[in-house]
Amino acid sequence: MKKIILSALIAALPASVMAESSLPEKQLEARQLAKQFLGQLKPELGKAMKSAGPVHAVDVCYKKAPEIAQNLSQSSGWNVNRVSLKPRAVNAVPDAWEKQTLEWFEAQANSGADIKKLEKFEIVKLDGQDTYRYMKAIPTGDICLTCHGTAVPPAVKAKLEELYPQDKATGFHKGQIRGAFSFQQAKN
């Protein structure tokens, strides 16, 4: 009787719960970190845009994104970062694994995959150490286009050039992959 009830409960669970419960614990942990990162950065950018406009938002992103990444790294034990094939910040340049993953994300998106669901989790050798690697694609939304789009206002462009002299992170359209959250942690 207990087996029947348990089977009925499992059958009643939504597919998303079942799929998530079968994922490795470390992948779920990294996925949560990506949600936390975005959940902290997006409201800060929104407030900055509303209070003082996009030039101020660039300043906030420049200061706040690294701070959020550092805080999440310290609290989680993961190395938390964002990378892109068109990086803005110096630390956003992808390594070989990240580049390959970003290219795979692009291929998946071009085949019709939902960018919001694109992620990759692997255990790889890094400097001879087994290491958890996780990436989650970041889609370009409406709010992103002011600083990352094809028609960046001159004042924003000037601020970007001041803060990010090597900036390549413009020319995006809504719905494109702008980059990815990229996390790693040595496996113990």
C-alpha atoms as a PDB file:
ATOM      1  CA  MET A   1       0.000   0.000   0.000  1.00  0.00           C
ATOM      2  CA  LYS A   2       2.837   2.441   0.860  1.00  0.00           C
ATOM      3  CA  LYS A   3       4.441   1.849  -2.549  1.00  0.00           C
ATOM      4  CA  ILE A   4       1.198   2.667  -4.344  1.00  0.00           C
ATOM      5  CA  ILE A   5       0.726   5.933  -2.414  1.00  0.00           C
ATOM      6  CA  LEU A   6       4.347   6.963  -3.034  1.00  0.00           C
ATOM      7  CA  SER A   7       4.004   6.133  -6.734  1.00  0.00           C
ATOM      8  CA  ALA A   8       0.819   8.189  -6.926  1.00  0.00           C
ATOM      9  CA  LEU A   9       2.520  11.149  -5.222  1.00  0.00           C
ATOM     10  CA  ILE A  10       5.506  10.954  -7.575  1.00  0.00           C
ATOM     11  CA  ALA A  11       3.228  10.689 -10.610  1.00  0.00           C
ATOM     12  CA  ALA A  12       1.353  13.798  -9.436  1.00  0.00           C
ATOM     13  CA  LEU A  13       4.503  15.939  -9.255  1.00  0.00           C
ATOM     14  CA  PRO A  14       5.021  18.364 -12.136  1.00  0.00           C
ATOM     15  CA  ALA A  15       7.664  17.350 -14.695  1.00  0.00           C
ATOM     16  CA  SER A  16       9.788  20.387 -13.761  1.00  0.00           C
ATOM     17  CA  VAL A  17      10.027  19.184 -10.149  1.00  0.00           C
ATOM     18  CA  MET A  18      10.889  15.670 -11.251  1.00  0.00           C
ATOM     19  CA  ALA A  19      13.526  16.933 -13.701  1.00  0.00           C
ATOM     20  CA  GLU A  20      15.078  19.259 -11.138  1.00  0.00           C
ATOM     21  CA  SER A  21      15.224  16.559  -8.467  1.00  0.00           C
ATOM     22  CA  SER A  22      17.268  14.350 -10.794  1.00  0.00           C
ATOM     23  CA  LEU A  23      19.956  17.004 -11.319  1.00  0.00           C
ATOM     24  CA  PRO A  24      23.271  16.829  -9.456  1.00  0.00           C
ATOM     25  CA  GLU A  25      23.261  18.729  -6.158  1.00  0.00           C
ATOM     26  CA  LYS A  26      26.127  20.969  -7.298  1.00  0.00           C
ATOM     27  CA  GLN A  27      24.248  21.929 -10.471  1.00  0.00           C
ATOM     28  CA  LEU A  28      21.215  22.924  -8.416  1.00  0.00           C
ATOM     29  CA  GLU A  29      23.492  24.905  -6.103  1.00  0.00           C
ATOM     30  CA  ALA A  30      25.059  26.760  -9.044  1.00  0.00           C
ATOM     31  CA  ARG A  31      21.644  27.369 -10.606  1.00  0.00           C
ATOM     32  CA  GLN A  32      20.534  28.996  -7.334  1.00  0.00           C
ATOM     33  CA  LEU A  33      23.623  31.218  -7.357  1.00  0.00           C
ATOM     34  CA  ALA A  34      22.765  32.405 -10.875  1.00  0.00           C
ATOM     35  CA  LYS A  35      19.258  33.299  -9.678  1.00  0.00           C
ATOM     36  CA  GLN A  36      20.720  35.144  -6.687  1.00  0.00           C
ATOM     37  CA  PHE A  37      23.182  37.072  -8.855  1.00  0.00           C
ATOM     38  CA  LEU A  38      20.496  38.186 -11.279  1.00  0.00           C
ATOM     39  CA  GLY A  39      18.048  38.762  -8.440  1.00  0.00           C
ATOM     40  CA  GLN A  40      20.477  41.186  -6.809  1.00  0.00           C
ATOM     41  CA  LEU A  41      21.823  42.961  -9.902  1.00  0.00           C
ATOM     42  CA  LYS A  42      18.634  43.482 -11.911  1.00  0.00           C
ATOM     43  CA  PRO A  43      16.781  45.539  -9.241  1.00  0.00           C
ATOM     44  CA  GLU A  44      19.883  47.689  -8.677  1.00  0.00           C
ATOM     45  CA  LEU A  45      20.069  48.466 -12.398  1.00  0.00           C
ATOM     46  CA  GLY A  46      16.348  49.158 -12.563  1.00  0.00           C
ATOM     47  CA  LYS A  47      16.554  51.594  -9.645  1.00  0.00           C
ATOM     48  CA  ALA A  48      19.574  53.327 -11.191  1.00  0.00           C
ATOM     49  CA  MET A  49      17.820  53.678 -14.560  1.00  0.00           C
ATOM     50  CA  LYS A  50      14.698  55.168 -12.938  1.00  0.00           C
ATOM     51  CA  SER A  51      16.494  57.480 -10.534  1.00  0.00           C
ATOM     52  CA  ALA A  52      19.251  58.930 -12.710  1.00  0.00           C
ATOM     53  CA  GLY A  53      19.160  57.325 -16.157  1.00  0.00           C
ATOM     54  CA  PRO A  54      21.362  54.936 -18.126  1.00  0.00           C
ATOM     55  CA  VAL A  55      24.714  56.690 -17.530  1.00  0.00           C
ATOM     56  CA  HIS A  56      24.181  56.207 -13.799  1.00  0.00           C
ATOM     57  CA  ALA A  57      23.127  52.582 -14.438  1.00  0.00           C
ATOM     58  CA  VAL A  58      26.469  51.932 -16.174  1.00  0.00           C
ATOM     59  CA  ASP A  59      28.230  53.263 -13.088  1.00  0.00           C
ATOM     60  CA  VAL A  60      26.097  51.086 -10.806  1.00  0.00           C
ATOM     61  CA  CYS A  61      26.750  47.993 -12.923  1.00  0.00           C
ATOM     62  CA  TYR A  62      30.465  48.738 -12.974  1.00  0.00           C
ATOM     63  CA  LYS A  63      30.585  48.865  -9.181  1.00  0.00           C
ATOM     64  CA  LYS A  64      27.754  46.562  -8.125  1.00  0.00           C
ATOM     65  CA  ALA A  65      28.227  43.508 -10.407  1.00  0.00           C
ATOM     66  CA  PRO A  66      31.770  42.736  -9.182  1.00  0.00           C
ATOM     67  CA  GLU A  67      30.663  43.340  -5.594  1.00  0.00           C
ATOM     68  CA  ILE A  68      27.758  40.884  -5.965  1.00  0.00           C
ATOM     69  CA  ALA A  69      30.048  38.320  -7.605  1.00  0.00           C
ATOM     70  CA  GLN A  70      32.612  38.668  -4.821  1.00  0.00           C
ATOM     71  CA  ASN A  71      29.986  38.363  -2.066  1.00  0.00           C
ATOM     72  CA  LEU A  72      28.430  35.293  -3.675  1.00  0.00           C
ATOM     73  CA  SER A  73      31.879  33.755  -4.169  1.00  0.00           C
ATOM     74  CA  GLN A  74      32.743  34.268  -0.513  1.00  0.00           C
ATOM     75  CA  SER A  75      29.435  32.966   0.813  1.00  0.00           C
ATOM     76  CA  SER A  76      29.187  29.952  -1.519  1.00  0.00           C
ATOM     77  CA  GLY A  77      32.724  28.734  -2.149  1.00  0.00           C
ATOM     78  CA  TRP A  78      32.161  29.010  -5.911  1.00  0.00           C
ATOM     79  CA  ASN A  79      34.160  31.326  -8.193  1.00  0.00           C
ATOM     80  CA  VAL A  80      31.290  33.486  -9.508  1.00  0.00           C
ATOM     81  CA  ASN A  81      31.693  35.404 -12.775  1.00  0.00           C
ATOM     82  CA  ARG A  82      29.989  36.466 -16.003  1.00  0.00           C
ATOM     83  CA  VAL A  83      31.600  35.919 -19.415  1.00  0.00           C
ATOM     84  CA  SER A  84      30.760  36.739 -23.023  1.00  0.00           C
ATOM     85  CA  LEU A  85      31.982  36.200 -26.559  1.00  0.00           C
ATOM     86  CA  LYS A  86      31.718  40.008 -26.723  1.00  0.00           C
ATOM     87  CA  PRO A  87      33.088  40.936 -23.284  1.00  0.00           C
ATOM     88  CA  ARG A  88      32.738  44.319 -21.644  1.00  0.00           C
ATOM     89  CA  ALA A  89      34.964  43.893 -18.589  1.00  0.00           C
ATOM     90  CA  VAL A  90      38.455  42.422 -18.648  1.00  0.00           C
ATOM     91  CA  ASN A  91      37.399  39.557 -16.358  1.00  0.00           C
ATOM     92  CA  ALA A  92      34.523  38.668 -18.735  1.00  0.00           C
ATOM     93  CA  VAL A  93      36.826  37.129 -21.355  1.00  0.00           C
ATOM     94  CA  PRO A  94      35.960  33.416 -21.549  1.00  0.00           C
ATOM     95  CA  ASP A  95      38.500  30.649 -21.073  1.00  0.00           C
ATOM     96  CA  ALA A  96      38.504  27.705 -23.530  1.00  0.00           C
ATOM     97  CA  TRP A  97      35.731  25.760 -21.739  1.00  0.00           C
ATOM     98  CA  GLU A  98      33.575  28.873 -21.397  1.00  0.00           C
ATOM     99  CA  LYS A  99      34.093  29.824 -25.050  1.00  0.00           C
ATOM    100  CA  GLN A 100      33.109  26.344 -26.188  1.00  0.00           C
ATOM    101  CA  THR A 101      30.025  26.464 -23.954  1.00  0.00           C
ATOM    102  CA  LEU A 102      29.013  29.924 -25.198  1.00  0.00           C
ATOM    103  CA  GLU A 103      29.345  28.693 -28.794  1.00  0.00           C
ATOM    104  CA  TRP A 104      27.221  25.645 -27.918  1.00  0.00           C
ATOM    105  CA  PHE A 105      24.611  27.975 -26.362  1.00  0.00           C
ATOM    106  CA  GLU A 106      24.579  30.004 -29.607  1.00  0.00           C
ATOM    107  CA  ALA A 107      24.088  26.848 -31.692  1.00  0.00           C
ATOM    108  CA  GLN A 108      21.244  25.732 -29.427  1.00  0.00           C
ATOM    109  CA  ALA A 109      19.581  29.147 -29.630  1.00  0.00           C
ATOM    110  CA  ASN A 110      19.919  29.144 -33.414  1.00  0.00           C
ATOM    111  CA  SER A 111      18.151  25.768 -33.424  1.00  0.00           C
ATOM    112  CA  GLY A 112      15.210  27.253 -31.524  1.00  0.00           C
ATOM    113  CA  ALA A 113      16.113  26.380 -27.923  1.00  0.00           C
ATOM    114  CA  ASP A 114      14.760  28.659 -25.175  1.00  0.00           C
ATOM    115  CA  ILE A 115      17.739  30.803 -24.132  1.00  0.00           C
ATOM    116  CA  LYS A 116      16.358  31.159 -20.606  1.00  0.00           C
ATOM    117  CA  LYS A 117      16.764  27.398 -20.142  1.00  0.00           C
ATOM    118  CA  LEU A 118      20.271  27.023 -21.575  1.00  0.00           C
ATOM    119  CA  GLU A 119      22.762  25.817 -18.996  1.00  0.00           C
ATOM    120  CA  LYS A 120      25.697  23.434 -18.821  1.00  0.00           C
ATOM    121  CA  PHE A 121      27.191  21.574 -15.877  1.00  0.00           C
ATOM    122  CA  GLU A 122      30.309  19.405 -16.020  1.00  0.00           C
ATOM    123  CA  ILE A 123      33.119  18.109 -13.889  1.00  0.00           C
ATOM    124  CA  VAL A 124      36.355  18.899 -15.719  1.00  0.00           C
ATOM    125  CA  LYS A 125      40.082  18.773 -14.973  1.00  0.00           C
ATOM    126  CA  LEU A 126      41.425  22.243 -14.265  1.00  0.00           C
ATOM    127  CA  ASP A 127      45.093  22.451 -13.377  1.00  0.00           C
ATOM    128  CA  GLY A 128      44.978  18.735 -12.570  1.00  0.00           C
ATOM    129  CA  GLN A 129      42.051  19.152 -10.151  1.00  0.00           C
ATOM    130  CA  ASP A 130      38.511  17.844 -10.702  1.00  0.00           C
ATOM    131  CA  THR A 131      36.410  20.997 -10.867  1.00  0.00           C
ATOM    132  CA  TYR A 132      32.690  21.667 -11.104  1.00  0.00           C
ATOM    133  CA  ARG A 133      31.910  24.007 -14.000  1.00  0.00           C
ATOM    134  CA  TYR A 134      28.509  25.597 -14.525  1.00  0.00           C
ATOM    135  CA  MET A 135      27.239  28.125 -17.048  1.00  0.00           C
ATOM    136  CA  LYS A 136      23.799  29.658 -17.566  1.00  0.00           C
ATOM    137  CA  ALA A 137      23.019  31.771 -20.631  1.00  0.00           C
ATOM    138  CA  ILE A 138      22.010  35.408 -20.142  1.00  0.00           C
ATOM    139  CA  PRO A 139      19.445  36.599 -22.700  1.00  0.00           C
ATOM    140  CA  THR A 140      19.363  40.225 -23.830  1.00  0.00           C
ATOM    141  CA  GLY A 141      16.209  41.894 -22.525  1.00  0.00           C
ATOM    142  CA  ASP A 142      14.686  45.288 -23.235  1.00  0.00           C
ATOM    143  CA  ILE A 143      16.487  46.992 -20.335  1.00  0.00           C
ATOM    144  CA  CYS A 144      19.843  45.643 -21.613  1.00  0.00           C
ATOM    145  CA  LEU A 145      19.553  47.330 -25.012  1.00  0.00           C
ATOM    146  CA  THR A 146      20.269  50.838 -23.715  1.00  0.00           C
ATOM    147  CA  CYS A 147      23.854  49.833 -22.908  1.00  0.00           C
ATOM    148  CA  HIS A 148      24.297  46.686 -25.010  1.00  0.00           C
ATOM    149  CA  GLY A 149      22.131  47.355 -28.080  1.00  0.00           C
ATOM    150  CA  THR A 150      22.743  48.745 -31.550  1.00  0.00           C
ATOM    151  CA  ALA A 151      21.768  52.351 -30.753  1.00  0.00           C
ATOM    152  CA  VAL A 152      23.670  53.180 -27.557  1.00  0.00           C
ATOM    153  CA  PRO A 153      23.131  56.866 -26.677  1.00  0.00           C
ATOM    154  CA  PRO A 154      26.275  59.045 -26.957  1.00  0.00           C
ATOM    155  CA  ALA A 155      26.446  59.833 -23.209  1.00  0.00           C
ATOM    156  CA  VAL A 156      26.209  56.127 -22.371  1.00  0.00           C
ATOM    157  CA  LYS A 157      28.800  55.292 -25.007  1.00  0.00           C
ATOM    158  CA  ALA A 158      31.173  57.878 -23.488  1.00  0.00           C
ATOM    159  CA  LYS A 159      30.699  56.406 -20.000  1.00  0.00           C
ATOM    160  CA  LEU A 160      31.303  52.888 -21.335  1.00  0.00           C
ATOM    161  CA  GLU A 161      34.505  54.023 -23.032  1.00  0.00           C
ATOM    162  CA  GLU A 162      35.653  55.622 -19.777  1.00  0.00           C
ATOM    163  CA  LEU A 163      34.979  52.556 -17.602  1.00  0.00           C
ATOM    164  CA  TYR A 164      35.533  49.776 -20.137  1.00  0.00           C
ATOM    165  CA  PRO A 165      38.121  50.867 -22.720  1.00  0.00           C
ATOM    166  CA  GLN A 166      38.173  47.357 -24.264  1.00  0.00           C
ATOM    167  CA  ASP A 167      34.342  47.087 -24.462  1.00  0.00           C
ATOM    168  CA  LYS A 168      32.953  44.756 -27.133  1.00  0.00           C
ATOM    169  CA  ALA A 169      29.529  44.194 -25.537  1.00  0.00           C
ATOM    170  CA  THR A 170      27.319  46.234 -27.871  1.00  0.00           C
ATOM    171  CA  GLY A 171      25.364  45.490 -31.025  1.00  0.00           C
ATOM    172  CA  PHE A 172      22.975  43.023 -29.382  1.00  0.00           C
ATOM    173  CA  HIS A 173      19.300  42.616 -30.230  1.00  0.00           C
ATOM    174  CA  LYS A 174      16.535  41.594 -27.846  1.00  0.00           C
ATOM    175  CA  GLY A 175      16.544  37.843 -27.269  1.00  0.00           C
ATOM    176  CA  GLN A 176      20.163  37.215 -28.229  1.00  0.00           C
ATOM    177  CA  ILE A 177      22.622  35.582 -25.848  1.00  0.00           C
ATOM    178  CA  ARG A 178      24.594  38.426 -24.293  1.00  0.00           C
ATOM    179  CA  GLY A 179      26.810  36.157 -22.238  1.00  0.00           C
ATOM    180  CA  ALA A 180      26.553  33.706 -19.368  1.00  0.00           C
ATOM    181  CA  PHE A 181      26.956  33.284 -15.676  1.00  0.00           C
ATOM    182  CA  SER A 182      30.046  31.128 -15.231  1.00  0.00           C
ATOM    183  CA  PHE A 183      30.867  29.428 -11.962  1.00  0.00           C
ATOM    184  CA  GLN A 184      33.538  26.970 -10.896  1.00  0.00           C
ATOM    185  CA  GLN A 185      34.410  25.155  -7.712  1.00  0.00           C
ATOM    186  CA  ALA A 186      37.126  22.616  -6.956  1.00  0.00           C
ATOM    187  CA  LYS A 187      35.696  19.191  -6.232  1.00  0.00           C
ATOM    188  CA  ASN A 188      36.757  17.903  -2.828  1.00  0.00           C
END
